[in-house]
């Protein structure tokens, strides 16, 4: 039985897409509409507690996302594939690499959480930890991570989408999963071609963070900084994002 997901394209190159904390399989902005469907086949997974799997129980961990992701690609008959992960999904994508290193052809992180997690001060942790219960916290986080420069209506729609497409228990548990999971030693030195794409307006998971983490972990890593984007490039600069990803995957 195939796990709930969204499939886009029918091309020979297979791509697994792992969404962020505020996302879902449908939470990729305009990116799916811009993909080259003749060259690529994409599978957008819903995690347990999200989207079409909002009622599915689980431990809500990075390791569990990886297990489900590998079950999905197995059910699709994919022997090898590339992985694209956004934010929390960037951590999960690296977990997939750690669990199935011989199968991952290329790794792409869009504002990815590093394999070592994310350090928080007490004030920031209170903001993020309160986001499961309080939509205002979710709005403040999205506003902060996009540089406090985008419209209130868009922020409100992002919050509404997040609330409607994630179970509160799961959303709360995944914070600890992505922020406090460290498997750096399992991926460090992996020779996979690895692209980190970040927005210049993202104060948290931007270029400086990637230089200290992603670029040090992967010897064949590249860093791409997107002008006029923050943490959600699939909404902010989707055409450029799709172009950069496909250029990298298609090499």
C-alpha atoms as a PDB file:
ATOM      1  CA  UNK A   1       0.000   0.000   0.000  1.00  0.00           C
ATOM      2  CA  UNK A   2       1.417   3.373  -1.035  1.00  0.00           C
ATOM      3  CA  UNK A   3       1.609   6.112   1.615  1.00  0.00           C
ATOM      4  CA  UNK A   4      -0.446   9.241   0.913  1.00  0.00           C
ATOM      5  CA  UNK A   5       1.503  11.598  -1.293  1.00  0.00           C
ATOM      6  CA  UNK A   6       1.122  13.881  -4.298  1.00  0.00           C
ATOM      7  CA  UNK A   7       2.787  12.882  -7.554  1.00  0.00           C
ATOM      8  CA  UNK A   8       3.871  15.469 -10.143  1.00  0.00           C
ATOM      9  CA  UNK A   9       5.432  14.623 -13.488  1.00  0.00           C
ATOM     10  CA  UNK A  10       6.292  11.458 -15.392  1.00  0.00           C
ATOM     11  CA  UNK A  11       9.976  11.966 -16.175  1.00  0.00           C
ATOM     12  CA  UNK A  12      12.814   9.486 -15.657  1.00  0.00           C
ATOM     13  CA  UNK A  13      14.515  11.391 -12.812  1.00  0.00           C
ATOM     14  CA  UNK A  14      12.860  10.615  -9.475  1.00  0.00           C
ATOM     15  CA  UNK A  15      12.628  13.231  -6.719  1.00  0.00           C
ATOM     16  CA  UNK A  16      11.308  12.822  -3.171  1.00  0.00           C
ATOM     17  CA  UNK A  17      10.068  16.067  -1.564  1.00  0.00           C
ATOM     18  CA  UNK A  18       9.913  16.501   2.224  1.00  0.00           C
ATOM     19  CA  UNK A  19       8.005  19.514   3.560  1.00  0.00           C
ATOM     20  CA  UNK A  20       8.660  21.943   6.378  1.00  0.00           C
ATOM     21  CA  UNK A  21       7.142  22.424   9.820  1.00  0.00           C
ATOM     22  CA  UNK A  22       4.444  24.766   8.503  1.00  0.00           C
ATOM     23  CA  UNK A  23       3.876  22.815   5.291  1.00  0.00           C
ATOM     24  CA  UNK A  24       2.386  19.593   3.957  1.00  0.00           C
ATOM     25  CA  UNK A  25       2.453  17.721   0.668  1.00  0.00           C
ATOM     26  CA  UNK A  26       0.316  20.605  -0.639  1.00  0.00           C
ATOM     27  CA  UNK A  27       2.337  23.283   1.133  1.00  0.00           C
ATOM     28  CA  UNK A  28       4.932  23.948  -1.551  1.00  0.00           C
ATOM     29  CA  UNK A  29       3.593  27.229  -2.895  1.00  0.00           C
ATOM     30  CA  UNK A  30       3.810  27.534  -6.669  1.00  0.00           C
ATOM     31  CA  UNK A  31       6.775  25.164  -7.035  1.00  0.00           C
ATOM     32  CA  UNK A  32       4.802  22.069  -8.202  1.00  0.00           C
ATOM     33  CA  UNK A  33       3.188  24.039 -11.039  1.00  0.00           C
ATOM     34  CA  UNK A  34       6.598  25.120 -12.354  1.00  0.00           C
ATOM     35  CA  UNK A  35       8.318  21.737 -12.494  1.00  0.00           C
ATOM     36  CA  UNK A  36       9.511  20.094 -15.708  1.00  0.00           C
ATOM     37  CA  UNK A  37       7.147  17.119 -15.837  1.00  0.00           C
ATOM     38  CA  UNK A  38       8.912  15.537 -18.816  1.00  0.00           C
ATOM     39  CA  UNK A  39      12.286  15.279 -17.065  1.00  0.00           C
ATOM     40  CA  UNK A  40      11.236  14.618 -13.491  1.00  0.00           C
ATOM     41  CA  UNK A  41       8.769  12.646 -11.389  1.00  0.00           C
ATOM     42  CA  UNK A  42       8.256  14.195  -7.963  1.00  0.00           C
ATOM     43  CA  UNK A  43       6.619  12.565  -4.931  1.00  0.00           C
ATOM     44  CA  UNK A  44       5.498  15.016  -2.239  1.00  0.00           C
ATOM     45  CA  UNK A  45       5.075  13.169   1.073  1.00  0.00           C
ATOM     46  CA  UNK A  46       2.716  14.053   3.930  1.00  0.00           C
ATOM     47  CA  UNK A  47       4.246  13.293   7.327  1.00  0.00           C
ATOM     48  CA  UNK A  48       2.201  11.622  10.038  1.00  0.00           C
ATOM     49  CA  UNK A  49      -0.038  14.291  11.540  1.00  0.00           C
ATOM     50  CA  UNK A  50      -0.055  16.433   8.367  1.00  0.00           C
ATOM     51  CA  UNK A  51      -2.283  16.919   5.332  1.00  0.00           C
ATOM     52  CA  UNK A  52      -3.972  13.739   4.141  1.00  0.00           C
ATOM     53  CA  UNK A  53      -2.289  11.874   7.031  1.00  0.00           C
ATOM     54  CA  UNK A  54      -3.387  14.314   9.730  1.00  0.00           C
ATOM     55  CA  UNK A  55      -5.058  11.529  11.721  1.00  0.00           C
ATOM     56  CA  UNK A  56      -2.205   9.019  11.431  1.00  0.00           C
ATOM     57  CA  UNK A  57      -0.583   8.278  14.790  1.00  0.00           C
ATOM     58  CA  UNK A  58       3.163   8.230  15.235  1.00  0.00           C
ATOM     59  CA  UNK A  59       6.170   9.168  17.301  1.00  0.00           C
ATOM     60  CA  UNK A  60       6.575  12.310  15.141  1.00  0.00           C
ATOM     61  CA  UNK A  61      10.339  12.064  14.786  1.00  0.00           C
ATOM     62  CA  UNK A  62      12.882  12.727  12.047  1.00  0.00           C
ATOM     63  CA  UNK A  63      13.732   9.009  11.975  1.00  0.00           C
ATOM     64  CA  UNK A  64      10.070   8.137  11.462  1.00  0.00           C
ATOM     65  CA  UNK A  65       9.777  10.580   8.550  1.00  0.00           C
ATOM     66  CA  UNK A  66      12.769   8.850   6.964  1.00  0.00           C
ATOM     67  CA  UNK A  67      11.261   5.390   7.448  1.00  0.00           C
ATOM     68  CA  UNK A  68       7.973   6.503   5.897  1.00  0.00           C
ATOM     69  CA  UNK A  69       9.815   8.219   3.046  1.00  0.00           C
ATOM     70  CA  UNK A  70      11.759   5.055   2.245  1.00  0.00           C
ATOM     71  CA  UNK A  71       8.549   3.006   2.431  1.00  0.00           C
ATOM     72  CA  UNK A  72       7.040   5.431  -0.082  1.00  0.00           C
ATOM     73  CA  UNK A  73       9.885   5.231  -2.601  1.00  0.00           C
ATOM     74  CA  UNK A  74       9.964   1.446  -2.222  1.00  0.00           C
ATOM     75  CA  UNK A  75       6.242   1.266  -3.000  1.00  0.00           C
ATOM     76  CA  UNK A  76       6.845   3.441  -6.077  1.00  0.00           C
ATOM     77  CA  UNK A  77       9.607   1.115  -7.240  1.00  0.00           C
ATOM     78  CA  UNK A  78      12.350   3.735  -7.056  1.00  0.00           C
ATOM     79  CA  UNK A  79      15.779   2.183  -6.537  1.00  0.00           C
ATOM     80  CA  UNK A  80      17.611   5.514  -6.628  1.00  0.00           C
ATOM     81  CA  UNK A  81      16.287   9.053  -6.291  1.00  0.00           C
ATOM     82  CA  UNK A  82      17.137  12.584  -5.248  1.00  0.00           C
ATOM     83  CA  UNK A  83      15.757  14.195  -2.091  1.00  0.00           C
ATOM     84  CA  UNK A  84      14.580  17.787  -1.691  1.00  0.00           C
ATOM     85  CA  UNK A  85      13.735  18.986   1.809  1.00  0.00           C
ATOM     86  CA  UNK A  86      12.461  22.343   3.048  1.00  0.00           C
ATOM     87  CA  UNK A  87      13.343  23.531   6.568  1.00  0.00           C
ATOM     88  CA  UNK A  88      12.417  20.635   8.896  1.00  0.00           C
ATOM     89  CA  UNK A  89      12.294  18.534   5.745  1.00  0.00           C
ATOM     90  CA  UNK A  90      15.941  19.418   5.187  1.00  0.00           C
ATOM     91  CA  UNK A  91      16.802  17.524   8.359  1.00  0.00           C
ATOM     92  CA  UNK A  92      14.572  14.633   7.267  1.00  0.00           C
ATOM     93  CA  UNK A  93      16.203  14.580   3.812  1.00  0.00           C
ATOM     94  CA  UNK A  94      19.604  14.195   5.439  1.00  0.00           C
ATOM     95  CA  UNK A  95      18.201  11.414   7.635  1.00  0.00           C
ATOM     96  CA  UNK A  96      17.104   9.605   4.461  1.00  0.00           C
ATOM     97  CA  UNK A  97      20.656   9.981   3.171  1.00  0.00           C
ATOM     98  CA  UNK A  98      22.014   8.520   6.414  1.00  0.00           C
ATOM     99  CA  UNK A  99      19.564   5.609   6.275  1.00  0.00           C
ATOM    100  CA  UNK A 100      19.970   4.828   2.557  1.00  0.00           C
ATOM    101  CA  UNK A 101      23.241   6.418   1.398  1.00  0.00           C
ATOM    102  CA  UNK A 102      23.623   4.275  -1.697  1.00  0.00           C
ATOM    103  CA  UNK A 103      20.214   5.239  -3.042  1.00  0.00           C
ATOM    104  CA  UNK A 104      20.289   9.047  -2.772  1.00  0.00           C
ATOM    105  CA  UNK A 105      21.757  10.540  -5.949  1.00  0.00           C
ATOM    106  CA  UNK A 106      21.515  14.220  -5.026  1.00  0.00           C
ATOM    107  CA  UNK A 107      20.507  16.153  -1.924  1.00  0.00           C
ATOM    108  CA  UNK A 108      18.823  19.565  -1.934  1.00  0.00           C
ATOM    109  CA  UNK A 109      17.992  21.582   1.165  1.00  0.00           C
ATOM    110  CA  UNK A 110      15.790  24.676   0.897  1.00  0.00           C
ATOM    111  CA  UNK A 111      16.552  26.697   4.046  1.00  0.00           C
ATOM    112  CA  UNK A 112      17.372  23.309   5.576  1.00  0.00           C
ATOM    113  CA  UNK A 113      17.594  22.511   9.263  1.00  0.00           C
ATOM    114  CA  UNK A 114      21.135  21.137   9.730  1.00  0.00           C
ATOM    115  CA  UNK A 115      21.732  17.519  10.717  1.00  0.00           C
ATOM    116  CA  UNK A 116      22.746  18.827  14.143  1.00  0.00           C
ATOM    117  CA  UNK A 117      19.463  20.602  14.823  1.00  0.00           C
ATOM    118  CA  UNK A 118      19.021  24.271  15.744  1.00  0.00           C
ATOM    119  CA  UNK A 119      20.141  25.993  18.967  1.00  0.00           C
ATOM    120  CA  UNK A 120      17.583  28.276  20.640  1.00  0.00           C
ATOM    121  CA  UNK A 121      17.803  30.882  23.347  1.00  0.00           C
ATOM    122  CA  UNK A 122      15.042  30.798  25.967  1.00  0.00           C
ATOM    123  CA  UNK A 123      13.007  33.603  24.408  1.00  0.00           C
ATOM    124  CA  UNK A 124      13.075  32.061  20.936  1.00  0.00           C
ATOM    125  CA  UNK A 125      12.227  28.625  22.289  1.00  0.00           C
ATOM    126  CA  UNK A 126       9.184  30.060  24.077  1.00  0.00           C
ATOM    127  CA  UNK A 127       7.983  31.593  20.797  1.00  0.00           C
ATOM    128  CA  UNK A 128       8.393  28.357  18.829  1.00  0.00           C
ATOM    129  CA  UNK A 129       7.193  26.057  21.620  1.00  0.00           C
ATOM    130  CA  UNK A 130       4.006  28.112  21.942  1.00  0.00           C
ATOM    131  CA  UNK A 131       3.227  27.872  18.225  1.00  0.00           C
ATOM    132  CA  UNK A 132       1.320  24.591  18.478  1.00  0.00           C
ATOM    133  CA  UNK A 133      -1.335  26.205  20.670  1.00  0.00           C
ATOM    134  CA  UNK A 134      -1.212  29.820  19.502  1.00  0.00           C
ATOM    135  CA  UNK A 135      -1.637  30.810  15.838  1.00  0.00           C
ATOM    136  CA  UNK A 136      -0.246  34.264  16.684  1.00  0.00           C
ATOM    137  CA  UNK A 137       3.086  32.607  17.454  1.00  0.00           C
ATOM    138  CA  UNK A 138       3.010  30.865  14.086  1.00  0.00           C
ATOM    139  CA  UNK A 139       2.402  34.199  12.384  1.00  0.00           C
ATOM    140  CA  UNK A 140       5.262  35.856  14.275  1.00  0.00           C
ATOM    141  CA  UNK A 141       7.630  33.027  13.295  1.00  0.00           C
ATOM    142  CA  UNK A 142       6.722  33.207   9.593  1.00  0.00           C
ATOM    143  CA  UNK A 143       7.051  37.000   9.656  1.00  0.00           C
ATOM    144  CA  UNK A 144      10.422  36.804  11.431  1.00  0.00           C
ATOM    145  CA  UNK A 145      11.894  34.178   9.109  1.00  0.00           C
ATOM    146  CA  UNK A 146      10.898  36.109   5.981  1.00  0.00           C
ATOM    147  CA  UNK A 147      12.517  39.320   7.170  1.00  0.00           C
ATOM    148  CA  UNK A 148       9.423  41.175   8.460  1.00  0.00           C
ATOM    149  CA  UNK A 149       8.696  42.409   4.952  1.00  0.00           C
ATOM    150  CA  UNK A 150       5.726  40.481   3.512  1.00  0.00           C
ATOM    151  CA  UNK A 151       2.019  41.261   3.463  1.00  0.00           C
ATOM    152  CA  UNK A 152      -0.249  40.569   6.401  1.00  0.00           C
ATOM    153  CA  UNK A 153      -2.736  38.728   4.230  1.00  0.00           C
ATOM    154  CA  UNK A 154      -0.081  36.282   3.063  1.00  0.00           C
ATOM    155  CA  UNK A 155       1.061  35.715   6.641  1.00  0.00           C
ATOM    156  CA  UNK A 156      -2.537  35.060   7.704  1.00  0.00           C
ATOM    157  CA  UNK A 157      -3.056  32.566   4.865  1.00  0.00           C
ATOM    158  CA  UNK A 158       0.159  30.733   5.748  1.00  0.00           C
ATOM    159  CA  UNK A 159      -0.963  30.457   9.368  1.00  0.00           C
ATOM    160  CA  UNK A 160      -4.442  29.247   8.383  1.00  0.00           C
ATOM    161  CA  UNK A 161      -2.933  26.626   6.086  1.00  0.00           C
ATOM    162  CA  UNK A 162      -0.618  25.429   8.838  1.00  0.00           C
ATOM    163  CA  UNK A 163      -3.394  25.152  11.423  1.00  0.00           C
ATOM    164  CA  UNK A 164      -5.697  23.301   9.026  1.00  0.00           C
ATOM    165  CA  UNK A 165      -3.034  20.915   7.733  1.00  0.00           C
ATOM    166  CA  UNK A 166      -1.309  19.812  10.932  1.00  0.00           C
ATOM    167  CA  UNK A 167      -2.492  18.055  14.067  1.00  0.00           C
ATOM    168  CA  UNK A 168      -1.640  20.121  17.126  1.00  0.00           C
ATOM    169  CA  UNK A 169       0.028  17.205  18.953  1.00  0.00           C
ATOM    170  CA  UNK A 170       2.143  16.336  15.929  1.00  0.00           C
ATOM    171  CA  UNK A 171       3.115  19.944  15.254  1.00  0.00           C
ATOM    172  CA  UNK A 172       4.284  20.365  18.839  1.00  0.00           C
ATOM    173  CA  UNK A 173       6.257  17.130  18.848  1.00  0.00           C
ATOM    174  CA  UNK A 174       7.999  17.840  15.544  1.00  0.00           C
ATOM    175  CA  UNK A 175       9.569  21.001  16.997  1.00  0.00           C
ATOM    176  CA  UNK A 176      11.667  18.946  19.389  1.00  0.00           C
ATOM    177  CA  UNK A 177      12.354  16.483  16.566  1.00  0.00           C
ATOM    178  CA  UNK A 178      13.898  18.994  14.166  1.00  0.00           C
ATOM    179  CA  UNK A 179      15.448  21.332  16.713  1.00  0.00           C
ATOM    180  CA  UNK A 180      17.054  18.766  19.013  1.00  0.00           C
ATOM    181  CA  UNK A 181      17.960  15.805  16.808  1.00  0.00           C
ATOM    182  CA  UNK A 182      21.668  15.439  16.014  1.00  0.00           C
ATOM    183  CA  UNK A 183      22.984  12.824  13.589  1.00  0.00           C
ATOM    184  CA  UNK A 184      25.819  14.905  12.130  1.00  0.00           C
ATOM    185  CA  UNK A 185      28.329  12.082  12.528  1.00  0.00           C
ATOM    186  CA  UNK A 186      26.218   9.845  10.284  1.00  0.00           C
ATOM    187  CA  UNK A 187      26.318  12.201   7.289  1.00  0.00           C
ATOM    188  CA  UNK A 188      29.541  14.159   7.724  1.00  0.00           C
ATOM    189  CA  UNK A 189      31.890  13.467   4.824  1.00  0.00           C
ATOM    190  CA  UNK A 190      29.220  11.890   2.614  1.00  0.00           C
ATOM    191  CA  UNK A 191      30.259  12.552  -1.011  1.00  0.00           C
ATOM    192  CA  UNK A 192      26.707  13.055  -2.341  1.00  0.00           C
ATOM    193  CA  UNK A 193      26.308  16.244  -4.409  1.00  0.00           C
ATOM    194  CA  UNK A 194      24.503  18.501  -1.924  1.00  0.00           C
ATOM    195  CA  UNK A 195      22.919  21.882  -2.670  1.00  0.00           C
ATOM    196  CA  UNK A 196      21.771  24.280   0.057  1.00  0.00           C
ATOM    197  CA  UNK A 197      19.412  27.020  -1.170  1.00  0.00           C
ATOM    198  CA  UNK A 198      18.741  29.876   1.234  1.00  0.00           C
ATOM    199  CA  UNK A 199      16.982  33.219   1.115  1.00  0.00           C
ATOM    200  CA  UNK A 200      19.018  36.335   1.787  1.00  0.00           C
ATOM    201  CA  UNK A 201      16.194  37.576   4.066  1.00  0.00           C
ATOM    202  CA  UNK A 202      16.159  34.488   6.331  1.00  0.00           C
ATOM    203  CA  UNK A 203      17.813  35.482   9.638  1.00  0.00           C
ATOM    204  CA  UNK A 204      17.855  31.944  11.059  1.00  0.00           C
ATOM    205  CA  UNK A 205      18.737  29.395   8.381  1.00  0.00           C
ATOM    206  CA  UNK A 206      20.640  31.630   5.996  1.00  0.00           C
ATOM    207  CA  UNK A 207      24.047  31.571   4.330  1.00  0.00           C
ATOM    208  CA  UNK A 208      26.099  31.958   7.531  1.00  0.00           C
ATOM    209  CA  UNK A 209      24.399  28.964   9.148  1.00  0.00           C
ATOM    210  CA  UNK A 210      24.918  26.857   6.022  1.00  0.00           C
ATOM    211  CA  UNK A 211      28.624  27.712   5.880  1.00  0.00           C
ATOM    212  CA  UNK A 212      29.017  26.453   9.456  1.00  0.00           C
ATOM    213  CA  UNK A 213      26.972  23.271   8.907  1.00  0.00           C
ATOM    214  CA  UNK A 214      25.948  22.028   5.458  1.00  0.00           C
ATOM    215  CA  UNK A 215      29.094  23.236   3.666  1.00  0.00           C
ATOM    216  CA  UNK A 216      31.322  21.612   6.286  1.00  0.00           C
ATOM    217  CA  UNK A 217      29.396  18.349   6.394  1.00  0.00           C
ATOM    218  CA  UNK A 218      29.341  17.631   2.652  1.00  0.00           C
ATOM    219  CA  UNK A 219      32.587  17.804   0.639  1.00  0.00           C
ATOM    220  CA  UNK A 220      30.636  18.161  -2.634  1.00  0.00           C
ATOM    221  CA  UNK A 221      28.327  20.903  -1.379  1.00  0.00           C
ATOM    222  CA  UNK A 222      27.150  24.073  -3.080  1.00  0.00           C
ATOM    223  CA  UNK A 223      25.429  27.109  -1.603  1.00  0.00           C
ATOM    224  CA  UNK A 224      22.910  29.221  -3.525  1.00  0.00           C
ATOM    225  CA  UNK A 225      21.577  32.451  -1.997  1.00  0.00           C
ATOM    226  CA  UNK A 226      18.292  33.686  -3.439  1.00  0.00           C
ATOM    227  CA  UNK A 227      17.884  37.477  -3.493  1.00  0.00           C
ATOM    228  CA  UNK A 228      14.498  38.787  -2.342  1.00  0.00           C
ATOM    229  CA  UNK A 229      13.594  35.554  -0.545  1.00  0.00           C
ATOM    230  CA  UNK A 230      13.367  34.557   3.096  1.00  0.00           C
ATOM    231  CA  UNK A 231      12.527  31.139   4.516  1.00  0.00           C
ATOM    232  CA  UNK A 232       9.758  30.301   2.037  1.00  0.00           C
ATOM    233  CA  UNK A 233      11.311  30.552  -1.406  1.00  0.00           C
ATOM    234  CA  UNK A 234       8.577  28.354  -2.914  1.00  0.00           C
ATOM    235  CA  UNK A 235       6.195  31.252  -2.255  1.00  0.00           C
ATOM    236  CA  UNK A 236       8.568  34.206  -2.465  1.00  0.00           C
ATOM    237  CA  UNK A 237      10.689  33.399  -5.546  1.00  0.00           C
ATOM    238  CA  UNK A 238       9.230  30.179  -6.972  1.00  0.00           C
ATOM    239  CA  UNK A 239      10.426  30.502 -10.571  1.00  0.00           C
ATOM    240  CA  UNK A 240      14.037  31.028  -9.534  1.00  0.00           C
ATOM    241  CA  UNK A 241      13.797  28.238  -6.965  1.00  0.00           C
ATOM    242  CA  UNK A 242      12.485  25.740  -9.515  1.00  0.00           C
ATOM    243  CA  UNK A 243      15.204  26.775 -11.978  1.00  0.00           C
ATOM    244  CA  UNK A 244      18.026  26.338  -9.461  1.00  0.00           C
ATOM    245  CA  UNK A 245      16.734  22.960  -8.242  1.00  0.00           C
ATOM    246  CA  UNK A 246      16.234  21.516 -11.714  1.00  0.00           C
ATOM    247  CA  UNK A 247      19.585  22.784 -12.925  1.00  0.00           C
ATOM    248  CA  UNK A 248      21.263  20.993 -10.015  1.00  0.00           C
ATOM    249  CA  UNK A 249      19.235  17.776 -10.252  1.00  0.00           C
ATOM    250  CA  UNK A 250      19.628  17.552 -13.995  1.00  0.00           C
ATOM    251  CA  UNK A 251      23.417  17.734 -14.086  1.00  0.00           C
END
